[in-house]
PDB file of all heavy atoms in Angstrom:
ATOM      1  N   THR A   1       8.564  15.646  -3.674  1.00  0.00           N
ATOM      2  CA  THR A   1       7.559  15.190  -4.640  1.00  0.00           C
ATOM      3  C   THR A   1       6.739  14.044  -4.068  1.00  0.00           C
ATOM      4  O   THR A   1       7.293  13.003  -3.689  1.00  0.00           O
ATOM      5  CB  THR A   1       8.237  14.730  -5.940  1.00  0.00           C
ATOM      6  OG1 THR A   1       9.070  15.781  -6.443  1.00  0.00           O
ATOM      7  CG2 THR A   1       7.190  14.362  -6.989  1.00  0.00           C
ATOM      8  N   PRO A   2       5.417  14.185  -4.001  1.00  0.00           N
ATOM      9  CA  PRO A   2       4.593  13.094  -3.460  1.00  0.00           C
ATOM     10  C   PRO A   2       4.629  11.853  -4.349  1.00  0.00           C
ATOM     11  O   PRO A   2       4.596  11.951  -5.578  1.00  0.00           O
ATOM     12  CB  PRO A   2       3.176  13.695  -3.434  1.00  0.00           C
ATOM     13  CG  PRO A   2       3.393  15.178  -3.424  1.00  0.00           C
ATOM     14  CD  PRO A   2       4.620  15.399  -4.259  1.00  0.00           C
ATOM     15  N   ILE A   3       4.709  10.698  -3.703  1.00  0.00           N
ATOM     16  CA  ILE A   3       4.701   9.409  -4.402  1.00  0.00           C
ATOM     17  C   ILE A   3       3.473   8.618  -3.949  1.00  0.00           C
ATOM     18  O   ILE A   3       3.255   8.420  -2.749  1.00  0.00           O
ATOM     19  CB  ILE A   3       5.965   8.582  -4.091  1.00  0.00           C
ATOM     20  CG1 ILE A   3       7.222   9.273  -4.625  1.00  0.00           C
ATOM     21  CG2 ILE A   3       5.846   7.170  -4.665  1.00  0.00           C
ATOM     22  CD1 ILE A   3       7.360   9.254  -6.129  1.00  0.00           C
ATOM     23  N   VAL A   4       2.695   8.171  -4.930  1.00  0.00           N
ATOM     24  CA  VAL A   4       1.517   7.347  -4.665  1.00  0.00           C
ATOM     25  C   VAL A   4       1.743   5.985  -5.310  1.00  0.00           C
ATOM     26  O   VAL A   4       2.005   5.897  -6.515  1.00  0.00           O
ATOM     27  CB  VAL A   4       0.242   7.996  -5.236  1.00  0.00           C
ATOM     28  CG1 VAL A   4      -0.966   7.088  -5.023  1.00  0.00           C
ATOM     29  CG2 VAL A   4       0.000   9.366  -4.605  1.00  0.00           C
ATOM     30  N   LEU A   5       1.663   4.925  -4.515  1.00  0.00           N
ATOM     31  CA  LEU A   5       1.785   3.567  -5.061  1.00  0.00           C
ATOM     32  C   LEU A   5       0.429   3.093  -5.534  1.00  0.00           C
ATOM     33  O   LEU A   5      -0.574   3.237  -4.833  1.00  0.00           O
ATOM     34  CB  LEU A   5       2.288   2.590  -4.002  1.00  0.00           C
ATOM     35  CG  LEU A   5       3.765   2.555  -3.633  1.00  0.00           C
ATOM     36  CD1 LEU A   5       4.055   1.283  -2.847  1.00  0.00           C
ATOM     37  CD2 LEU A   5       4.673   2.640  -4.842  1.00  0.00           C
ATOM     38  N   MET A   6       0.390   2.516  -6.725  1.00  0.00           N
ATOM     39  CA  MET A   6      -0.844   1.928  -7.243  1.00  0.00           C
ATOM     40  C   MET A   6      -0.641   0.425  -7.372  1.00  0.00           C
ATOM     41  O   MET A   6       0.344  -0.034  -7.967  1.00  0.00           O
ATOM     42  CB  MET A   6      -1.183   2.537  -8.608  1.00  0.00           C
ATOM     43  CG  MET A   6      -2.468   2.008  -9.232  1.00  0.00           C
ATOM     44  SD  MET A   6      -2.199   0.484 -10.155  1.00  0.00           S
ATOM     45  CE  MET A   6      -3.734   0.328 -11.036  1.00  0.00           C
ATOM     46  N   GLY A   7      -1.524  -0.348  -6.771  1.00  0.00           N
ATOM     47  CA  GLY A   7      -1.390  -1.795  -6.849  1.00  0.00           C
ATOM     48  C   GLY A   7      -2.669  -2.509  -6.471  1.00  0.00           C
ATOM     49  O   GLY A   7      -3.760  -1.932  -6.479  1.00  0.00           O
ATOM     50  N   TYR A   8      -2.510  -3.781  -6.123  1.00  0.00           N
ATOM     51  CA  TYR A   8      -3.642  -4.656  -5.853  1.00  0.00           C
ATOM     52  C   TYR A   8      -3.470  -5.342  -4.498  1.00  0.00           C
ATOM     53  O   TYR A   8      -2.365  -5.385  -3.940  1.00  0.00           O
ATOM     54  CB  TYR A   8      -3.780  -5.688  -6.979  1.00  0.00           C
ATOM     55  CG  TYR A   8      -4.188  -5.056  -8.297  1.00  0.00           C
ATOM     56  CD1 TYR A   8      -3.239  -4.503  -9.152  1.00  0.00           C
ATOM     57  CD2 TYR A   8      -5.525  -4.972  -8.663  1.00  0.00           C
ATOM     58  CE1 TYR A   8      -3.605  -3.898 -10.347  1.00  0.00           C
ATOM     59  CE2 TYR A   8      -5.908  -4.376  -9.859  1.00  0.00           C
ATOM     60  CZ  TYR A   8      -4.951  -3.830 -10.690  1.00  0.00           C
ATOM     61  OH  TYR A   8      -5.322  -3.216 -11.861  1.00  0.00           O
ATOM     62  N   CYS A   9      -4.582  -5.860  -3.986  1.00  0.00           N
ATOM     63  CA  CYS A   9      -4.608  -6.404  -2.622  1.00  0.00           C
ATOM     64  C   CYS A   9      -3.692  -7.594  -2.409  1.00  0.00           C
ATOM     65  O   CYS A   9      -3.067  -7.716  -1.358  1.00  0.00           O
ATOM     66  CB  CYS A   9      -6.038  -6.826  -2.259  1.00  0.00           C
ATOM     67  SG  CYS A   9      -7.110  -5.495  -1.754  1.00  0.00           S
ATOM     68  N   ASN A  10      -3.632  -8.487  -3.388  1.00  0.00           N
ATOM     69  CA  ASN A  10      -2.958  -9.760  -3.170  1.00  0.00           C
ATOM     70  C   ASN A  10      -1.506  -9.612  -2.721  1.00  0.00           C
ATOM     71  O   ASN A  10      -1.108 -10.202  -1.708  1.00  0.00           O
ATOM     72  CB  ASN A  10      -3.052 -10.632  -4.432  1.00  0.00           C
ATOM     73  CG  ASN A  10      -2.470 -12.014  -4.239  1.00  0.00           C
ATOM     74  OD1 ASN A  10      -1.278 -12.209  -4.400  1.00  0.00           O
ATOM     75  ND2 ASN A  10      -3.311 -12.970  -3.867  1.00  0.00           N
ATOM     76  N   PRO A  11      -0.674  -8.824  -3.412  1.00  0.00           N
ATOM     77  CA  PRO A  11       0.717  -8.676  -2.949  1.00  0.00           C
ATOM     78  C   PRO A  11       0.811  -8.047  -1.556  1.00  0.00           C
ATOM     79  O   PRO A  11       1.682  -8.420  -0.762  1.00  0.00           O
ATOM     80  CB  PRO A  11       1.348  -7.763  -4.012  1.00  0.00           C
ATOM     81  CG  PRO A  11       0.505  -7.945  -5.220  1.00  0.00           C
ATOM     82  CD  PRO A  11      -0.891  -8.135  -4.703  1.00  0.00           C
ATOM     83  N   ILE A  12      -0.083  -7.093  -1.260  1.00  0.00           N
ATOM     84  CA  ILE A  12      -0.073  -6.451   0.057  1.00  0.00           C
ATOM     85  C   ILE A  12      -0.465  -7.449   1.138  1.00  0.00           C
ATOM     86  O   ILE A  12       0.140  -7.497   2.217  1.00  0.00           O
ATOM     87  CB  ILE A  12      -1.020  -5.235   0.067  1.00  0.00           C
ATOM     88  CG1 ILE A  12      -0.471  -4.156  -0.882  1.00  0.00           C
ATOM     89  CG2 ILE A  12      -1.191  -4.676   1.473  1.00  0.00           C
ATOM     90  CD1 ILE A  12      -1.415  -2.981  -1.096  1.00  0.00           C
ATOM     91  N   ASP A  13      -1.472  -8.262   0.843  1.00  0.00           N
ATOM     92  CA  ASP A  13      -1.926  -9.256   1.816  1.00  0.00           C
ATOM     93  C   ASP A  13      -0.832 -10.280   2.094  1.00  0.00           C
ATOM     94  O   ASP A  13      -0.597 -10.686   3.234  1.00  0.00           O
ATOM     95  CB  ASP A  13      -3.194  -9.934   1.290  1.00  0.00           C
ATOM     96  CG  ASP A  13      -3.888 -10.763   2.355  1.00  0.00           C
ATOM     97  OD1 ASP A  13      -4.001 -10.281   3.510  1.00  0.00           O
ATOM     98  OD2 ASP A  13      -4.318 -11.893   2.066  1.00  0.00           O
ATOM     99  N   ARG A  14      -0.127 -10.688   1.042  1.00  0.00           N
ATOM    100  CA  ARG A  14       0.965 -11.650   1.213  1.00  0.00           C
ATOM    101  C   ARG A  14       2.130 -11.039   1.989  1.00  0.00           C
ATOM    102  O   ARG A  14       2.778 -11.709   2.789  1.00  0.00           O
ATOM    103  CB  ARG A  14       1.441 -12.152  -0.156  1.00  0.00           C
ATOM    104  CG  ARG A  14       0.467 -13.097  -0.852  1.00  0.00           C
ATOM    105  CD  ARG A  14       0.953 -13.454  -2.247  1.00  0.00           C
ATOM    106  NE  ARG A  14       2.227 -14.157  -2.209  1.00  0.00           N
ATOM    107  CZ  ARG A  14       2.361 -15.471  -2.094  1.00  0.00           C
ATOM    108  NH1 ARG A  14       1.282 -16.237  -1.992  1.00  0.00           N
ATOM    109  NH2 ARG A  14       3.552 -16.026  -2.083  1.00  0.00           N
ATOM    110  N   PHE A  15       2.398  -9.768   1.754  1.00  0.00           N
ATOM    111  CA  PHE A  15       3.475  -9.058   2.450  1.00  0.00           C
ATOM    112  C   PHE A  15       3.130  -8.874   3.928  1.00  0.00           C
ATOM    113  O   PHE A  15       4.007  -8.922   4.796  1.00  0.00           O
ATOM    114  CB  PHE A  15       3.666  -7.692   1.776  1.00  0.00           C
ATOM    115  CG  PHE A  15       4.935  -6.980   2.127  1.00  0.00           C
ATOM    116  CD1 PHE A  15       6.059  -7.069   1.316  1.00  0.00           C
ATOM    117  CD2 PHE A  15       5.011  -6.191   3.257  1.00  0.00           C
ATOM    118  CE1 PHE A  15       7.231  -6.394   1.630  1.00  0.00           C
ATOM    119  CE2 PHE A  15       6.175  -5.504   3.581  1.00  0.00           C
ATOM    120  CZ  PHE A  15       7.292  -5.612   2.771  1.00  0.00           C
ATOM    121  N   GLY A  16       1.826  -8.691   4.174  1.00  0.00           N
ATOM    122  CA  GLY A  16       1.331  -8.376   5.513  1.00  0.00           C
ATOM    123  C   GLY A  16       0.946  -6.912   5.565  1.00  0.00           C
ATOM    124  O   GLY A  16       1.825  -6.051   5.451  1.00  0.00           O
ATOM    125  N   PRO A  17      -0.355  -6.576   5.673  1.00  0.00           N
ATOM    126  CA  PRO A  17      -0.794  -5.177   5.586  1.00  0.00           C
ATOM    127  C   PRO A  17      -0.098  -4.237   6.568  1.00  0.00           C
ATOM    128  O   PRO A  17       0.328  -3.144   6.181  1.00  0.00           O
ATOM    129  CB  PRO A  17      -2.301  -5.268   5.872  1.00  0.00           C
ATOM    130  CG  PRO A  17      -2.673  -6.647   5.426  1.00  0.00           C
ATOM    131  CD  PRO A  17      -1.503  -7.516   5.767  1.00  0.00           C
ATOM    132  N   GLU A  18       0.043  -4.662   7.826  1.00  0.00           N
ATOM    133  CA  GLU A  18       0.686  -3.782   8.805  1.00  0.00           C
ATOM    134  C   GLU A  18       2.167  -3.597   8.466  1.00  0.00           C
ATOM    135  O   GLU A  18       2.692  -2.470   8.468  1.00  0.00           O
ATOM    136  CB  GLU A  18       0.532  -4.359  10.212  1.00  0.00           C
ATOM    137  CG  GLU A  18       1.099  -3.455  11.292  1.00  0.00           C
ATOM    138  CD  GLU A  18       0.827  -3.974  12.696  1.00  0.00           C
ATOM    139  OE1 GLU A  18       0.301  -5.106  12.827  1.00  0.00           O
ATOM    140  OE2 GLU A  18       1.152  -3.251  13.651  1.00  0.00           O
ATOM    141  N   LYS A  19       2.833  -4.690   8.161  1.00  0.00           N
ATOM    142  CA  LYS A  19       4.252  -4.631   7.796  1.00  0.00           C
ATOM    143  C   LYS A  19       4.448  -3.787   6.536  1.00  0.00           C
ATOM    144  O   LYS A  19       5.389  -2.987   6.438  1.00  0.00           O
ATOM    145  CB  LYS A  19       4.765  -6.055   7.576  1.00  0.00           C
ATOM    146  CG  LYS A  19       6.213  -6.146   7.117  1.00  0.00           C
ATOM    147  CD  LYS A  19       6.570  -7.598   6.815  1.00  0.00           C
ATOM    148  CE  LYS A  19       7.964  -7.709   6.189  1.00  0.00           C
ATOM    149  NZ  LYS A  19       8.264  -9.106   5.771  1.00  0.00           N
ATOM    150  N   PHE A  20       3.538  -3.951   5.568  1.00  0.00           N
ATOM    151  CA  PHE A  20       3.629  -3.192   4.325  1.00  0.00           C
ATOM    152  C   PHE A  20       3.501  -1.694   4.579  1.00  0.00           C
ATOM    153  O   PHE A  20       4.285  -0.896   4.038  1.00  0.00           O
ATOM    154  CB  PHE A  20       2.545  -3.639   3.342  1.00  0.00           C
ATOM    155  CG  PHE A  20       2.352  -2.676   2.204  1.00  0.00           C
ATOM    156  CD1 PHE A  20       3.306  -2.566   1.204  1.00  0.00           C
ATOM    157  CD2 PHE A  20       1.220  -1.872   2.141  1.00  0.00           C
ATOM    158  CE1 PHE A  20       3.145  -1.661   0.160  1.00  0.00           C
ATOM    159  CE2 PHE A  20       1.050  -0.972   1.116  1.00  0.00           C
ATOM    160  CZ  PHE A  20       2.008  -0.864   0.122  1.00  0.00           C
ATOM    161  N   CYS A  21       2.528  -1.278   5.378  1.00  0.00           N
ATOM    162  CA  CYS A  21       2.332   0.157   5.626  1.00  0.00           C
ATOM    163  C   CYS A  21       3.535   0.759   6.343  1.00  0.00           C
ATOM    164  O   CYS A  21       3.953   1.886   6.034  1.00  0.00           O
ATOM    165  CB  CYS A  21       1.048   0.386   6.427  1.00  0.00           C
ATOM    166  SG  CYS A  21      -0.455   0.111   5.459  1.00  0.00           S
ATOM    167  N   ARG A  22       4.112   0.016   7.289  1.00  0.00           N
ATOM    168  CA  ARG A  22       5.320   0.509   7.955  1.00  0.00           C
ATOM    169  C   ARG A  22       6.457   0.667   6.949  1.00  0.00           C
ATOM    170  O   ARG A  22       7.167   1.674   6.936  1.00  0.00           O
ATOM    171  CB  ARG A  22       5.743  -0.440   9.079  1.00  0.00           C
ATOM    172  CG  ARG A  22       4.876  -0.402  10.319  1.00  0.00           C
ATOM    173  CD  ARG A  22       5.622  -1.009  11.510  1.00  0.00           C
ATOM    174  NE  ARG A  22       6.116  -2.345  11.233  1.00  0.00           N
ATOM    175  CZ  ARG A  22       5.459  -3.473  11.506  1.00  0.00           C
ATOM    176  NH1 ARG A  22       4.258  -3.415  12.061  1.00  0.00           N
ATOM    177  NH2 ARG A  22       5.987  -4.648  11.233  1.00  0.00           N
ATOM    178  N   ALA A  23       6.622  -0.345   6.101  1.00  0.00           N
ATOM    179  CA  ALA A  23       7.721  -0.318   5.122  1.00  0.00           C
ATOM    180  C   ALA A  23       7.497   0.780   4.081  1.00  0.00           C
ATOM    181  O   ALA A  23       8.447   1.460   3.676  1.00  0.00           O
ATOM    182  CB  ALA A  23       7.835  -1.678   4.436  1.00  0.00           C
ATOM    183  N   ALA A  24       6.252   0.968   3.652  1.00  0.00           N
ATOM    184  CA  ALA A  24       5.950   2.004   2.663  1.00  0.00           C
ATOM    185  C   ALA A  24       6.242   3.389   3.225  1.00  0.00           C
ATOM    186  O   ALA A  24       6.832   4.244   2.552  1.00  0.00           O
ATOM    187  CB  ALA A  24       4.496   1.899   2.218  1.00  0.00           C
ATOM    188  N   ALA A  25       5.850   3.625   4.479  1.00  0.00           N
ATOM    189  CA  ALA A  25       6.110   4.918   5.112  1.00  0.00           C
ATOM    190  C   ALA A  25       7.612   5.156   5.257  1.00  0.00           C
ATOM    191  O   ALA A  25       8.109   6.253   4.995  1.00  0.00           O
ATOM    192  CB  ALA A  25       5.409   4.989   6.464  1.00  0.00           C
ATOM    193  N   ARG A  26       8.345   4.121   5.667  1.00  0.00           N
ATOM    194  CA  ARG A  26       9.792   4.262   5.811  1.00  0.00           C
ATOM    195  C   ARG A  26      10.462   4.569   4.477  1.00  0.00           C
ATOM    196  O   ARG A  26      11.437   5.319   4.407  1.00  0.00           O
ATOM    197  CB  ARG A  26      10.402   2.993   6.413  1.00  0.00           C
ATOM    198  CG  ARG A  26      10.100   2.793   7.894  1.00  0.00           C
ATOM    199  CD  ARG A  26      11.060   1.775   8.508  1.00  0.00           C
ATOM    200  NE  ARG A  26      10.984   0.469   7.888  1.00  0.00           N
ATOM    201  CZ  ARG A  26      10.231  -0.525   8.314  1.00  0.00           C
ATOM    202  NH1 ARG A  26       9.441  -0.354   9.371  1.00  0.00           N
ATOM    203  NH2 ARG A  26      10.238  -1.693   7.713  1.00  0.00           N
ATOM    204  N   ALA A  27       9.933   3.982   3.404  1.00  0.00           N
ATOM    205  CA  ALA A  27      10.516   4.193   2.076  1.00  0.00           C
ATOM    206  C   ALA A  27      10.248   5.592   1.552  1.00  0.00           C
ATOM    207  O   ALA A  27      10.983   6.078   0.685  1.00  0.00           O
ATOM    208  CB  ALA A  27       9.968   3.153   1.102  1.00  0.00           C
ATOM    209  N   GLY A  28       9.202   6.248   2.061  1.00  0.00           N
ATOM    210  CA  GLY A  28       8.869   7.584   1.581  1.00  0.00           C
ATOM    211  C   GLY A  28       7.638   7.646   0.712  1.00  0.00           C
ATOM    212  O   GLY A  28       7.410   8.626   0.002  1.00  0.00           O
ATOM    213  N   VAL A  29       6.798   6.615   0.766  1.00  0.00           N
ATOM    214  CA  VAL A  29       5.519   6.617   0.060  1.00  0.00           C
ATOM    215  C   VAL A  29       4.551   7.535   0.815  1.00  0.00           C
ATOM    216  O   VAL A  29       4.557   7.593   2.044  1.00  0.00           O
ATOM    217  CB  VAL A  29       4.947   5.185  -0.037  1.00  0.00           C
ATOM    218  CG1 VAL A  29       3.526   5.187  -0.602  1.00  0.00           C
ATOM    219  CG2 VAL A  29       5.863   4.306  -0.884  1.00  0.00           C
ATOM    220  N   ASP A  30       3.700   8.231   0.063  1.00  0.00           N
ATOM    221  CA  ASP A  30       2.742   9.155   0.671  1.00  0.00           C
ATOM    222  C   ASP A  30       1.301   8.659   0.605  1.00  0.00           C
ATOM    223  O   ASP A  30       0.497   8.976   1.484  1.00  0.00           O
ATOM    224  CB  ASP A  30       2.823  10.514  -0.019  1.00  0.00           C
ATOM    225  CG  ASP A  30       4.217  11.100   0.080  1.00  0.00           C
ATOM    226  OD1 ASP A  30       4.605  11.498   1.191  1.00  0.00           O
ATOM    227  OD2 ASP A  30       4.924  11.141  -0.944  1.00  0.00           O
ATOM    228  N   GLY A  31       0.963   7.944  -0.446  1.00  0.00           N
ATOM    229  CA  GLY A  31      -0.411   7.488  -0.606  1.00  0.00           C
ATOM    230  C   GLY A  31      -0.477   6.155  -1.309  1.00  0.00           C
ATOM    231  O   GLY A  31       0.479   5.726  -1.966  1.00  0.00           O
ATOM    232  N   LEU A  32      -1.640   5.497  -1.177  1.00  0.00           N
ATOM    233  CA  LEU A  32      -1.849   4.179  -1.763  1.00  0.00           C
ATOM    234  C   LEU A  32      -3.137   4.172  -2.577  1.00  0.00           C
ATOM    235  O   LEU A  32      -4.172   4.666  -2.118  1.00  0.00           O
ATOM    236  CB  LEU A  32      -1.966   3.110  -0.670  1.00  0.00           C
ATOM    237  CG  LEU A  32      -0.850   3.048   0.375  1.00  0.00           C
ATOM    238  CD1 LEU A  32      -1.243   2.069   1.489  1.00  0.00           C
ATOM    239  CD2 LEU A  32       0.468   2.634  -0.269  1.00  0.00           C
ATOM    240  N   ILE A  33      -3.059   3.622  -3.784  1.00  0.00           N
ATOM    241  CA  ILE A  33      -4.250   3.319  -4.571  1.00  0.00           C
ATOM    242  C   ILE A  33      -4.312   1.800  -4.675  1.00  0.00           C
ATOM    243  O   ILE A  33      -3.443   1.188  -5.305  1.00  0.00           O
ATOM    244  CB  ILE A  33      -4.188   3.940  -5.975  1.00  0.00           C
ATOM    245  CG1 ILE A  33      -4.134   5.462  -5.884  1.00  0.00           C
ATOM    246  CG2 ILE A  33      -5.384   3.494  -6.806  1.00  0.00           C
ATOM    247  CD1 ILE A  33      -3.903   6.144  -7.225  1.00  0.00           C
ATOM    248  N   VAL A  34      -5.291   1.211  -4.022  1.00  0.00           N
ATOM    249  CA  VAL A  34      -5.451  -0.245  -4.062  1.00  0.00           C
ATOM    250  C   VAL A  34      -6.753  -0.500  -4.806  1.00  0.00           C
ATOM    251  O   VAL A  34      -7.854  -0.376  -4.251  1.00  0.00           O
ATOM    252  CB  VAL A  34      -5.479  -0.853  -2.648  1.00  0.00           C
ATOM    253  CG1 VAL A  34      -5.492  -2.378  -2.731  1.00  0.00           C
ATOM    254  CG2 VAL A  34      -4.263  -0.383  -1.848  1.00  0.00           C
ATOM    255  N   VAL A  35      -6.623  -0.824  -6.075  1.00  0.00           N
ATOM    256  CA  VAL A  35      -7.753  -0.820  -6.997  1.00  0.00           C
ATOM    257  C   VAL A  35      -8.872  -1.760  -6.574  1.00  0.00           C
ATOM    258  O   VAL A  35     -10.053  -1.436  -6.689  1.00  0.00           O
ATOM    259  CB  VAL A  35      -7.266  -1.195  -8.416  1.00  0.00           C
ATOM    260  CG1 VAL A  35      -8.435  -1.241  -9.385  1.00  0.00           C
ATOM    261  CG2 VAL A  35      -6.230  -0.191  -8.887  1.00  0.00           C
ATOM    262  N   ASP A  36      -8.509  -2.936  -6.076  1.00  0.00           N
ATOM    263  CA  ASP A  36      -9.520  -3.947  -5.762  1.00  0.00           C
ATOM    264  C   ASP A  36      -9.825  -4.022  -4.269  1.00  0.00           C
ATOM    265  O   ASP A  36     -10.253  -5.067  -3.769  1.00  0.00           O
ATOM    266  CB  ASP A  36      -9.098  -5.317  -6.291  1.00  0.00           C
ATOM    267  CG  ASP A  36      -7.706  -5.744  -5.818  1.00  0.00           C
ATOM    268  OD1 ASP A  36      -6.979  -4.897  -5.255  1.00  0.00           O
ATOM    269  OD2 ASP A  36      -7.353  -6.917  -6.018  1.00  0.00           O
ATOM    270  N   LEU A  37      -9.671  -2.909  -3.549  1.00  0.00           N
ATOM    271  CA  LEU A  37     -10.009  -2.862  -2.132  1.00  0.00           C
ATOM    272  C   LEU A  37     -11.263  -2.009  -1.954  1.00  0.00           C
ATOM    273  O   LEU A  37     -11.183  -0.783  -1.917  1.00  0.00           O
ATOM    274  CB  LEU A  37      -8.850  -2.266  -1.323  1.00  0.00           C
ATOM    275  CG  LEU A  37      -9.066  -2.183   0.198  1.00  0.00           C
ATOM    276  CD1 LEU A  37      -9.117  -3.576   0.812  1.00  0.00           C
ATOM    277  CD2 LEU A  37      -7.972  -1.349   0.848  1.00  0.00           C
ATOM    278  N   PRO A  38     -12.445  -2.636  -1.835  1.00  0.00           N
ATOM    279  CA  PRO A  38     -13.671  -1.854  -1.663  1.00  0.00           C
ATOM    280  C   PRO A  38     -13.736  -1.253  -0.263  1.00  0.00           C
ATOM    281  O   PRO A  38     -13.087  -1.755   0.666  1.00  0.00           O
ATOM    282  CB  PRO A  38     -14.784  -2.898  -1.861  1.00  0.00           C
ATOM    283  CG  PRO A  38     -14.153  -4.195  -1.488  1.00  0.00           C
ATOM    284  CD  PRO A  38     -12.703  -4.086  -1.864  1.00  0.00           C
ATOM    285  N   PRO A  39     -14.505  -0.179  -0.070  1.00  0.00           N
ATOM    286  CA  PRO A  39     -14.607   0.448   1.248  1.00  0.00           C
ATOM    287  C   PRO A  39     -15.028  -0.522   2.346  1.00  0.00           C
ATOM    288  O   PRO A  39     -14.585  -0.396   3.489  1.00  0.00           O
ATOM    289  CB  PRO A  39     -15.665   1.531   1.038  1.00  0.00           C
ATOM    290  CG  PRO A  39     -15.593   1.853  -0.415  1.00  0.00           C
ATOM    291  CD  PRO A  39     -15.257   0.548  -1.098  1.00  0.00           C
ATOM    292  N   GLU A  40     -15.853  -1.499   1.982  1.00  0.00           N
ATOM    293  CA  GLU A  40     -16.324  -2.459   2.987  1.00  0.00           C
ATOM    294  C   GLU A  40     -15.195  -3.328   3.538  1.00  0.00           C
ATOM    295  O   GLU A  40     -15.325  -3.914   4.606  1.00  0.00           O
ATOM    296  CB  GLU A  40     -17.406  -3.368   2.375  1.00  0.00           C
ATOM    297  CG  GLU A  40     -18.707  -2.664   2.075  1.00  0.00           C
ATOM    298  CD  GLU A  40     -18.674  -1.849   0.797  1.00  0.00           C
ATOM    299  OE1 GLU A  40     -17.654  -1.928   0.054  1.00  0.00           O
ATOM    300  OE2 GLU A  40     -19.650  -1.134   0.522  1.00  0.00           O
TER     301      GLU A  40
END
C-alpha cells in the first residue's frame, strides 16, 4: 500500500532535508506532500 506523507517545510528543514529523505525512504514512505514548498 503506497504511503504519502503530508506536512510542512519547517519540521523537514529542522530534521535536515537530505537526512529526512533517506529516513523516509528507509521507513517505507513513497511520496511527499509539502504544502508550503513552492516550485521555486
